[in-house]
Amino acid sequence: MFEHVTILLSFVYAIALTHLLSSATELVLAHKRVRFSTALKHWSVLEVAIQFAGAIVQYFTCSTLRISEGRDGEIDLPALYQERRPIIFSAFLALTAIAAFENWWDRNNVVVPGVFNWLYTDLLIVPMALSMGVAGWARSRWLQWTAVVAQTALMVFFFVADGMLAGS
């Protein structure tokens, strides 16, 4: 059954990636009509390096969840997760740190520039980072689950609040 679900999910991911690449292609083809939502007119080498570092950390974060079948014997997913949990959440914390740095770095290039917009976003990142730390290193299961529920609630709040700010 696991193999069937994995195959189904691989199709879903492939379709999602196809849509993403198709949209990127359409943006490139319609480049004369595309209006960017950032005030950044020119990308410096440092800006590109920061974005590239974020992409590398994002890739590493996703790759920590990879399950390879190269080992002999049974793959015990709960044991594998417990073994990798600190690495997984360390990668998520690194991704959070990069995001906070990028918010600060681009604080004058957002739709509503200024210190309050940057602080608002990064103040929301702090409890997210704390819940990731608890989920990554707490020994007790109930504390791990509490951190996951808190993280989910914070992300929902972030997306709703961000959507409301973008609409105003």
N, C-alpha and C. Protein backbone atom coordinates (compact mmCIF):
# COMPACT_ATOMS: atom_id res chain seq x y z
N MET A 1 0.81 -1.20 0.00
CA MET A 1 0.00 0.00 0.00
C MET A 1 0.87 1.27 0.00
N PHE A 2 1.96 1.23 0.76
CA PHE A 2 2.86 2.39 0.83
C PHE A 2 3.39 2.75 -0.55
N GLU A 3 3.75 1.74 -1.34
CA GLU A 3 4.28 1.99 -2.67
C GLU A 3 3.23 2.66 -3.56
N HIS A 4 1.97 2.23 -3.44
CA HIS A 4 0.91 2.82 -4.25
C HIS A 4 0.69 4.30 -3.89
N VAL A 5 0.68 4.59 -2.62
CA VAL A 5 0.51 5.98 -2.19
C VAL A 5 1.70 6.82 -2.64
N THR A 6 2.89 6.28 -2.53
CA THR A 6 4.09 7.00 -2.95
C THR A 6 4.05 7.29 -4.45
N ILE A 7 3.63 6.33 -5.24
CA ILE A 7 3.51 6.54 -6.69
C ILE A 7 2.46 7.60 -6.99
N LEU A 8 1.32 7.54 -6.30
CA LEU A 8 0.27 8.54 -6.50
C LEU A 8 0.80 9.93 -6.15
N LEU A 9 1.49 10.06 -5.03
CA LEU A 9 2.04 11.35 -4.64
C LEU A 9 3.09 11.84 -5.63
N SER A 10 3.86 10.94 -6.20
CA SER A 10 4.85 11.38 -7.19
C SER A 10 4.17 11.99 -8.41
N PHE A 11 3.01 11.47 -8.79
CA PHE A 11 2.26 12.07 -9.89
C PHE A 11 1.75 13.46 -9.50
N VAL A 12 1.26 13.59 -8.28
CA VAL A 12 0.76 14.88 -7.81
C VAL A 12 1.90 15.91 -7.82
N TYR A 13 3.07 15.51 -7.30
CA TYR A 13 4.22 16.42 -7.29
C TYR A 13 4.67 16.77 -8.70
N ALA A 14 4.66 15.79 -9.58
CA ALA A 14 5.06 16.05 -10.97
C ALA A 14 4.10 17.04 -11.64
N ILE A 15 2.82 16.87 -11.40
CA ILE A 15 1.83 17.80 -11.98
C ILE A 15 2.01 19.19 -11.39
N ALA A 16 2.24 19.27 -10.08
CA ALA A 16 2.45 20.57 -9.44
C ALA A 16 3.69 21.26 -10.00
N LEU A 17 4.77 20.50 -10.17
CA LEU A 17 5.99 21.07 -10.73
C LEU A 17 5.77 21.51 -12.18
N THR A 18 5.00 20.74 -12.93
CA THR A 18 4.69 21.11 -14.31
C THR A 18 3.92 22.42 -14.36
N HIS A 19 2.95 22.59 -13.47
CA HIS A 19 2.19 23.85 -13.42
C HIS A 19 3.11 25.02 -13.06
N LEU A 20 3.99 24.80 -12.12
CA LEU A 20 4.92 25.86 -11.70
C LEU A 20 5.83 26.26 -12.86
N LEU A 21 6.40 25.28 -13.54
CA LEU A 21 7.29 25.58 -14.66
C LEU A 21 6.52 26.19 -15.83
N SER A 22 5.29 25.74 -16.08
CA SER A 22 4.47 26.33 -17.14
C SER A 22 4.17 27.79 -16.85
N SER A 23 3.85 28.09 -15.59
CA SER A 23 3.59 29.48 -15.22
C SER A 23 4.83 30.34 -15.38
N ALA A 24 5.99 29.80 -15.00
CA ALA A 24 7.24 30.55 -15.17
C ALA A 24 7.50 30.81 -16.66
N THR A 25 7.23 29.82 -17.49
CA THR A 25 7.41 29.99 -18.93
C THR A 25 6.48 31.08 -19.47
N GLU A 26 5.23 31.06 -19.02
CA GLU A 26 4.27 32.08 -19.47
C GLU A 26 4.72 33.48 -19.04
N LEU A 27 5.27 33.60 -17.83
CA LEU A 27 5.77 34.90 -17.38
C LEU A 27 6.94 35.37 -18.24
N VAL A 28 7.82 34.47 -18.60
CA VAL A 28 8.96 34.83 -19.45
C VAL A 28 8.47 35.28 -20.82
N LEU A 29 7.52 34.54 -21.38
CA LEU A 29 7.01 34.88 -22.71
C LEU A 29 6.24 36.20 -22.71
N ALA A 30 5.59 36.51 -21.59
CA ALA A 30 4.80 37.75 -21.49
C ALA A 30 5.56 38.82 -20.71
N HIS A 31 6.88 38.77 -20.74
CA HIS A 31 7.70 39.64 -19.89
C HIS A 31 7.42 41.13 -20.05
N LYS A 32 6.96 41.56 -21.22
CA LYS A 32 6.69 42.99 -21.43
C LYS A 32 5.45 43.44 -20.66
N ARG A 33 4.56 42.52 -20.35
CA ARG A 33 3.32 42.88 -19.64
C ARG A 33 3.39 42.58 -18.15
N VAL A 34 4.50 42.02 -17.68
CA VAL A 34 4.62 41.61 -16.28
C VAL A 34 5.04 42.80 -15.43
N ARG A 35 4.30 43.03 -14.36
CA ARG A 35 4.62 44.08 -13.40
C ARG A 35 4.99 43.39 -12.09
N PHE A 36 6.19 43.61 -11.62
CA PHE A 36 6.65 42.99 -10.40
C PHE A 36 6.10 43.74 -9.19
N SER A 37 5.92 43.01 -8.09
CA SER A 37 5.33 43.60 -6.90
C SER A 37 6.38 44.12 -5.93
N THR A 38 7.59 44.23 -6.35
CA THR A 38 8.65 44.74 -5.47
C THR A 38 9.21 46.03 -6.03
N ALA A 39 9.73 46.84 -5.14
CA ALA A 39 10.33 48.11 -5.55
C ALA A 39 11.76 47.93 -6.02
N LEU A 40 12.26 46.73 -5.98
CA LEU A 40 13.64 46.45 -6.35
C LEU A 40 13.79 46.56 -7.87
N LYS A 41 14.54 47.55 -8.30
CA LYS A 41 14.71 47.79 -9.74
C LYS A 41 15.94 47.08 -10.29
N HIS A 42 16.92 46.89 -9.44
CA HIS A 42 18.18 46.30 -9.89
C HIS A 42 18.65 45.29 -8.84
N TRP A 43 19.00 44.12 -9.29
CA TRP A 43 19.49 43.08 -8.38
C TRP A 43 21.00 43.16 -8.32
N SER A 44 21.52 43.36 -7.12
CA SER A 44 22.97 43.37 -6.95
C SER A 44 23.46 41.93 -6.83
N VAL A 45 24.78 41.77 -6.89
CA VAL A 45 25.37 40.44 -6.73
C VAL A 45 25.03 39.89 -5.34
N LEU A 46 25.04 40.76 -4.33
CA LEU A 46 24.73 40.33 -2.97
C LEU A 46 23.27 39.88 -2.86
N GLU A 47 22.36 40.60 -3.52
CA GLU A 47 20.95 40.20 -3.50
C GLU A 47 20.76 38.82 -4.12
N VAL A 48 21.43 38.59 -5.24
CA VAL A 48 21.36 37.28 -5.90
C VAL A 48 21.96 36.21 -5.00
N ALA A 49 23.08 36.51 -4.34
CA ALA A 49 23.72 35.54 -3.43
C ALA A 49 22.81 35.19 -2.26
N ILE A 50 22.12 36.18 -1.72
CA ILE A 50 21.19 35.93 -0.60
C ILE A 50 20.05 35.03 -1.07
N GLN A 51 19.48 35.33 -2.23
CA GLN A 51 18.39 34.51 -2.76
C GLN A 51 18.87 33.09 -3.06
N PHE A 52 20.08 32.98 -3.59
CA PHE A 52 20.66 31.67 -3.90
C PHE A 52 20.89 30.87 -2.63
N ALA A 53 21.40 31.54 -1.58
CA ALA A 53 21.61 30.87 -0.29
C ALA A 53 20.28 30.36 0.26
N GLY A 54 19.24 31.18 0.13
CA GLY A 54 17.91 30.75 0.57
C GLY A 54 17.43 29.53 -0.20
N ALA A 55 17.69 29.50 -1.51
CA ALA A 55 17.27 28.36 -2.33
C ALA A 55 18.02 27.10 -1.94
N ILE A 56 19.31 27.23 -1.64
CA ILE A 56 20.10 26.06 -1.23
C ILE A 56 19.59 25.52 0.10
N VAL A 57 19.32 26.41 1.05
CA VAL A 57 18.80 25.97 2.35
C VAL A 57 17.42 25.33 2.17
N GLN A 58 16.60 25.90 1.27
CA GLN A 58 15.28 25.31 0.99
C GLN A 58 15.43 23.90 0.43
N TYR A 59 16.36 23.73 -0.51
CA TYR A 59 16.60 22.40 -1.07
C TYR A 59 17.06 21.42 0.01
N PHE A 60 18.02 21.86 0.83
CA PHE A 60 18.53 20.99 1.89
C PHE A 60 17.41 20.61 2.86
N THR A 61 16.58 21.58 3.20
CA THR A 61 15.46 21.32 4.11
C THR A 61 14.55 20.23 3.54
N CYS A 62 14.21 20.35 2.28
CA CYS A 62 13.36 19.34 1.64
C CYS A 62 14.07 18.00 1.53
N SER A 63 15.36 18.02 1.26
CA SER A 63 16.08 16.76 1.07
C SER A 63 16.26 15.98 2.37
N THR A 64 16.14 16.63 3.53
CA THR A 64 16.24 15.89 4.80
C THR A 64 15.08 14.92 4.98
N LEU A 65 14.01 15.14 4.24
CA LEU A 65 12.84 14.27 4.35
C LEU A 65 12.90 13.09 3.38
N ARG A 66 13.93 13.04 2.57
CA ARG A 66 14.08 11.98 1.56
C ARG A 66 14.30 10.62 2.22
N ILE A 67 13.65 9.63 1.68
CA ILE A 67 13.82 8.26 2.16
C ILE A 67 14.43 7.46 1.03
N SER A 68 15.64 6.96 1.26
CA SER A 68 16.29 6.16 0.22
C SER A 68 16.15 4.69 0.58
N GLU A 69 16.10 3.88 -0.43
CA GLU A 69 15.94 2.45 -0.19
C GLU A 69 17.25 1.70 -0.39
N GLY A 70 18.37 2.41 -0.32
CA GLY A 70 19.67 1.80 -0.54
C GLY A 70 20.12 0.87 0.57
N ARG A 71 19.56 1.01 1.75
CA ARG A 71 19.94 0.16 2.87
C ARG A 71 19.22 -1.18 2.77
N ASP A 72 19.82 -2.18 3.36
CA ASP A 72 19.19 -3.49 3.39
C ASP A 72 18.19 -3.55 4.55
N GLY A 73 17.20 -4.38 4.38
CA GLY A 73 16.25 -4.61 5.47
C GLY A 73 15.07 -3.66 5.44
N GLU A 74 14.29 -3.74 6.49
CA GLU A 74 13.06 -2.98 6.63
C GLU A 74 13.35 -1.51 6.91
N ILE A 75 12.52 -0.63 6.36
CA ILE A 75 12.63 0.79 6.64
C ILE A 75 11.58 1.13 7.68
N ASP A 76 12.03 1.44 8.88
CA ASP A 76 11.15 1.78 9.99
C ASP A 76 10.97 3.29 10.00
N LEU A 77 9.85 3.78 9.45
CA LEU A 77 9.64 5.21 9.30
C LEU A 77 9.62 5.97 10.62
N PRO A 78 8.92 5.47 11.66
CA PRO A 78 8.98 6.21 12.94
C PRO A 78 10.40 6.31 13.50
N ALA A 79 11.18 5.24 13.40
CA ALA A 79 12.56 5.27 13.90
C ALA A 79 13.41 6.21 13.04
N LEU A 80 13.19 6.19 11.73
CA LEU A 80 13.94 7.07 10.84
C LEU A 80 13.62 8.54 11.15
N TYR A 81 12.36 8.82 11.39
CA TYR A 81 11.95 10.19 11.74
C TYR A 81 12.61 10.61 13.06
N GLN A 82 12.57 9.75 14.07
CA GLN A 82 13.18 10.09 15.35
C GLN A 82 14.68 10.32 15.21
N GLU A 83 15.31 9.54 14.35
CA GLU A 83 16.74 9.69 14.12
C GLU A 83 17.06 11.02 13.42
N ARG A 84 16.22 11.40 12.47
CA ARG A 84 16.48 12.60 11.67
C ARG A 84 15.83 13.86 12.22
N ARG A 85 14.96 13.73 13.21
CA ARG A 85 14.18 14.86 13.70
C ARG A 85 15.03 16.09 14.02
N PRO A 86 16.14 15.97 14.75
CA PRO A 86 16.94 17.18 15.00
C PRO A 86 17.52 17.79 13.72
N ILE A 87 17.91 16.95 12.77
CA ILE A 87 18.45 17.46 11.51
C ILE A 87 17.36 18.17 10.71
N ILE A 88 16.18 17.55 10.64
CA ILE A 88 15.06 18.14 9.90
C ILE A 88 14.70 19.50 10.46
N PHE A 89 14.55 19.58 11.78
CA PHE A 89 14.13 20.84 12.37
C PHE A 89 15.27 21.86 12.42
N SER A 90 16.50 21.41 12.45
CA SER A 90 17.63 22.34 12.31
C SER A 90 17.60 22.99 10.93
N ALA A 91 17.30 22.18 9.91
CA ALA A 91 17.20 22.73 8.55
C ALA A 91 16.05 23.73 8.45
N PHE A 92 14.91 23.40 9.07
CA PHE A 92 13.79 24.34 9.08
C PHE A 92 14.14 25.63 9.83
N LEU A 93 14.88 25.51 10.93
CA LEU A 93 15.31 26.70 11.66
C LEU A 93 16.27 27.54 10.83
N ALA A 94 17.18 26.89 10.09
CA ALA A 94 18.08 27.63 9.19
C ALA A 94 17.28 28.35 8.11
N LEU A 95 16.26 27.69 7.59
CA LEU A 95 15.39 28.31 6.59
C LEU A 95 14.66 29.51 7.19
N THR A 96 14.23 29.38 8.42
CA THR A 96 13.56 30.49 9.11
C THR A 96 14.52 31.66 9.30
N ALA A 97 15.76 31.35 9.68
CA ALA A 97 16.76 32.41 9.87
C ALA A 97 17.05 33.13 8.55
N ILE A 98 17.15 32.37 7.47
CA ILE A 98 17.37 32.99 6.15
C ILE A 98 16.18 33.87 5.79
N ALA A 99 14.96 33.40 6.05
CA ALA A 99 13.76 34.19 5.74
C ALA A 99 13.74 35.49 6.55
N ALA A 100 14.09 35.41 7.83
CA ALA A 100 14.12 36.61 8.67
C ALA A 100 15.17 37.59 8.16
N PHE A 101 16.33 37.06 7.77
CA PHE A 101 17.38 37.93 7.23
C PHE A 101 16.92 38.57 5.92
N GLU A 102 16.29 37.78 5.05
CA GLU A 102 15.81 38.34 3.78
C GLU A 102 14.75 39.42 4.01
N ASN A 103 13.88 39.22 5.02
CA ASN A 103 12.89 40.26 5.35
C ASN A 103 13.58 41.56 5.75
N TRP A 104 14.63 41.42 6.58
CA TRP A 104 15.36 42.61 6.99
C TRP A 104 16.09 43.23 5.79
N TRP A 105 16.76 42.41 5.01
CA TRP A 105 17.55 42.90 3.88
C TRP A 105 16.67 43.65 2.88
N ASP A 106 15.49 43.14 2.61
CA ASP A 106 14.60 43.74 1.62
C ASP A 106 13.52 44.62 2.26
N ARG A 107 13.76 45.10 3.45
CA ARG A 107 12.74 45.86 4.20
C ARG A 107 12.28 47.11 3.47
N ASN A 108 13.10 47.69 2.62
CA ASN A 108 12.71 48.89 1.88
C ASN A 108 12.20 48.58 0.48
N ASN A 109 12.11 47.30 0.14
CA ASN A 109 11.70 46.90 -1.20
C ASN A 109 10.38 46.16 -1.21
N VAL A 110 9.60 46.28 -0.17
CA VAL A 110 8.32 45.57 -0.10
C VAL A 110 7.20 46.52 -0.50
N VAL A 111 6.00 45.98 -0.61
CA VAL A 111 4.86 46.79 -1.03
C VAL A 111 4.64 47.97 -0.08
N VAL A 112 4.73 47.71 1.22
CA VAL A 112 4.60 48.76 2.22
C VAL A 112 5.96 48.87 2.92
N PRO A 113 6.88 49.69 2.38
CA PRO A 113 8.22 49.74 2.97
C PRO A 113 8.20 50.36 4.36
N GLY A 114 9.22 50.03 5.10
CA GLY A 114 9.37 50.62 6.42
C GLY A 114 9.69 49.59 7.48
N VAL A 115 10.09 50.11 8.62
CA VAL A 115 10.55 49.25 9.70
C VAL A 115 9.40 48.42 10.27
N PHE A 116 8.19 48.95 10.33
CA PHE A 116 7.10 48.23 10.97
C PHE A 116 6.67 47.00 10.18
N ASN A 117 6.69 47.10 8.86
CA ASN A 117 6.34 45.95 8.05
C ASN A 117 7.34 44.82 8.25
N TRP A 118 8.63 45.16 8.27
CA TRP A 118 9.67 44.16 8.49
C TRP A 118 9.56 43.57 9.89
N LEU A 119 9.39 44.42 10.90
CA LEU A 119 9.27 43.92 12.27
C LEU A 119 8.03 43.05 12.44
N TYR A 120 6.92 43.45 11.82
CA TYR A 120 5.69 42.67 11.91
C TYR A 120 5.91 41.26 11.40
N THR A 121 6.55 41.16 10.23
CA THR A 121 6.80 39.84 9.64
C THR A 121 7.75 39.02 10.49
N ASP A 122 8.84 39.64 10.92
CA ASP A 122 9.82 38.89 11.70
C ASP A 122 9.32 38.57 13.11
N LEU A 123 8.47 39.39 13.67
CA LEU A 123 7.89 39.05 14.98
C LEU A 123 7.01 37.81 14.89
N LEU A 124 6.40 37.60 13.73
CA LEU A 124 5.63 36.37 13.54
C LEU A 124 6.54 35.16 13.35
N ILE A 125 7.74 35.39 12.83
CA ILE A 125 8.68 34.29 12.60
C ILE A 125 9.24 33.75 13.92
N VAL A 126 9.38 34.61 14.92
CA VAL A 126 9.96 34.19 16.20
C VAL A 126 9.18 33.05 16.85
N PRO A 127 7.85 33.17 17.05
CA PRO A 127 7.14 32.03 17.65
C PRO A 127 7.14 30.79 16.74
N MET A 128 7.20 31.01 15.42
CA MET A 128 7.31 29.86 14.51
C MET A 128 8.62 29.13 14.75
N ALA A 129 9.71 29.88 14.90
CA ALA A 129 11.01 29.27 15.16
C ALA A 129 11.01 28.55 16.51
N LEU A 130 10.38 29.14 17.51
CA LEU A 130 10.30 28.49 18.82
C LEU A 130 9.54 27.17 18.76
N SER A 131 8.43 27.17 18.02
CA SER A 131 7.65 25.92 17.92
C SER A 131 8.43 24.86 17.13
N MET A 132 9.23 25.29 16.15
CA MET A 132 10.07 24.33 15.43
C MET A 132 11.13 23.74 16.34
N GLY A 133 11.69 24.58 17.20
CA GLY A 133 12.69 24.11 18.15
C GLY A 133 12.11 23.08 19.11
N VAL A 134 10.91 23.35 19.60
CA VAL A 134 10.25 22.40 20.51
C VAL A 134 9.95 21.10 19.77
N ALA A 135 9.42 21.21 18.55
CA ALA A 135 9.10 20.00 17.78
C ALA A 135 10.36 19.19 17.47
N GLY A 136 11.48 19.86 17.29
CA GLY A 136 12.71 19.18 16.93
C GLY A 136 13.45 18.54 18.08
N TRP A 137 13.31 19.11 19.27
CA TRP A 137 14.15 18.61 20.36
C TRP A 137 13.40 18.16 21.61
N ALA A 138 12.11 18.39 21.70
CA ALA A 138 11.37 17.91 22.87
C ALA A 138 11.28 16.39 22.83
N ARG A 139 11.45 15.77 23.97
CA ARG A 139 11.38 14.31 24.04
C ARG A 139 9.94 13.83 24.15
N SER A 140 9.14 14.58 24.81
CA SER A 140 7.76 14.16 25.06
C SER A 140 6.89 14.32 23.80
N ARG A 141 6.14 13.28 23.49
CA ARG A 141 5.27 13.29 22.29
C ARG A 141 4.22 14.38 22.36
N TRP A 142 3.59 14.58 23.51
CA TRP A 142 2.53 15.58 23.61
C TRP A 142 3.09 16.98 23.36
N LEU A 143 4.33 17.22 23.77
CA LEU A 143 4.96 18.52 23.54
C LEU A 143 5.28 18.70 22.05
N GLN A 144 5.71 17.63 21.41
CA GLN A 144 5.97 17.68 19.96
C GLN A 144 4.67 18.00 19.22
N TRP A 145 3.58 17.32 19.58
CA TRP A 145 2.30 17.56 18.93
C TRP A 145 1.78 18.96 19.20
N THR A 146 1.98 19.44 20.43
CA THR A 146 1.57 20.81 20.75
C THR A 146 2.32 21.80 19.88
N ALA A 147 3.60 21.57 19.69
CA ALA A 147 4.40 22.45 18.83
C ALA A 147 3.91 22.41 17.39
N VAL A 148 3.54 21.24 16.90
CA VAL A 148 3.03 21.13 15.53
C VAL A 148 1.71 21.87 15.38
N VAL A 149 0.82 21.72 16.35
CA VAL A 149 -0.47 22.44 16.31
C VAL A 149 -0.23 23.95 16.37
N ALA A 150 0.68 24.37 17.25
CA ALA A 150 1.00 25.80 17.35
C ALA A 150 1.59 26.31 16.04
N GLN A 151 2.48 25.55 15.44
CA GLN A 151 3.09 25.94 14.17
C GLN A 151 2.03 26.08 13.08
N THR A 152 1.12 25.13 13.02
CA THR A 152 0.04 25.19 12.02
C THR A 152 -0.82 26.42 12.24
N ALA A 153 -1.20 26.69 13.48
CA ALA A 153 -2.02 27.87 13.78
C ALA A 153 -1.28 29.16 13.42
N LEU A 154 0.00 29.22 13.72
CA LEU A 154 0.79 30.42 13.38
C LEU A 154 0.88 30.61 11.87
N MET A 155 1.05 29.53 11.14
CA MET A 155 1.13 29.65 9.68
C MET A 155 -0.19 30.10 9.09
N VAL A 156 -1.30 29.55 9.58
CA VAL A 156 -2.62 29.97 9.10
C VAL A 156 -2.82 31.45 9.41
N PHE A 157 -2.49 31.86 10.63
CA PHE A 157 -2.60 33.27 11.00
C PHE A 157 -1.75 34.14 10.08
N PHE A 158 -0.51 33.71 9.83
CA PHE A 158 0.39 34.48 8.97
C PHE A 158 -0.20 34.67 7.58
N PHE A 159 -0.70 33.58 6.98
CA PHE A 159 -1.24 33.68 5.63
C PHE A 159 -2.51 34.51 5.58
N VAL A 160 -3.36 34.39 6.59
CA VAL A 160 -4.60 35.19 6.62
C VAL A 160 -4.26 36.66 6.83
N ALA A 161 -3.39 36.96 7.82
CA ALA A 161 -3.02 38.34 8.09
C ALA A 161 -2.29 38.95 6.91
N ASP A 162 -1.39 38.21 6.28
CA ASP A 162 -0.66 38.71 5.13
C ASP A 162 -1.61 38.99 3.96
N GLY A 163 -2.59 38.11 3.79
CA GLY A 163 -3.59 38.32 2.73
C GLY A 163 -4.43 39.56 2.99
N MET A 164 -4.74 39.80 4.26
CA MET A 164 -5.52 40.99 4.60
C MET A 164 -4.69 42.27 4.38
N LEU A 165 -3.40 42.21 4.71
CA LEU A 165 -2.53 43.37 4.49
C LEU A 165 -2.34 43.64 3.00
N ALA A 166 -2.18 42.57 2.22
CA ALA A 166 -1.99 42.74 0.78
C ALA A 166 -3.25 43.31 0.12
N GLY A 167 -4.42 42.98 0.67
CA GLY A 167 -5.68 43.46 0.10
C GLY A 167 -5.98 44.90 0.43
N SER A 168 -5.32 45.43 1.48
CA SER A 168 -5.64 46.82 1.88
C SER A 168 -4.79 47.83 1.17
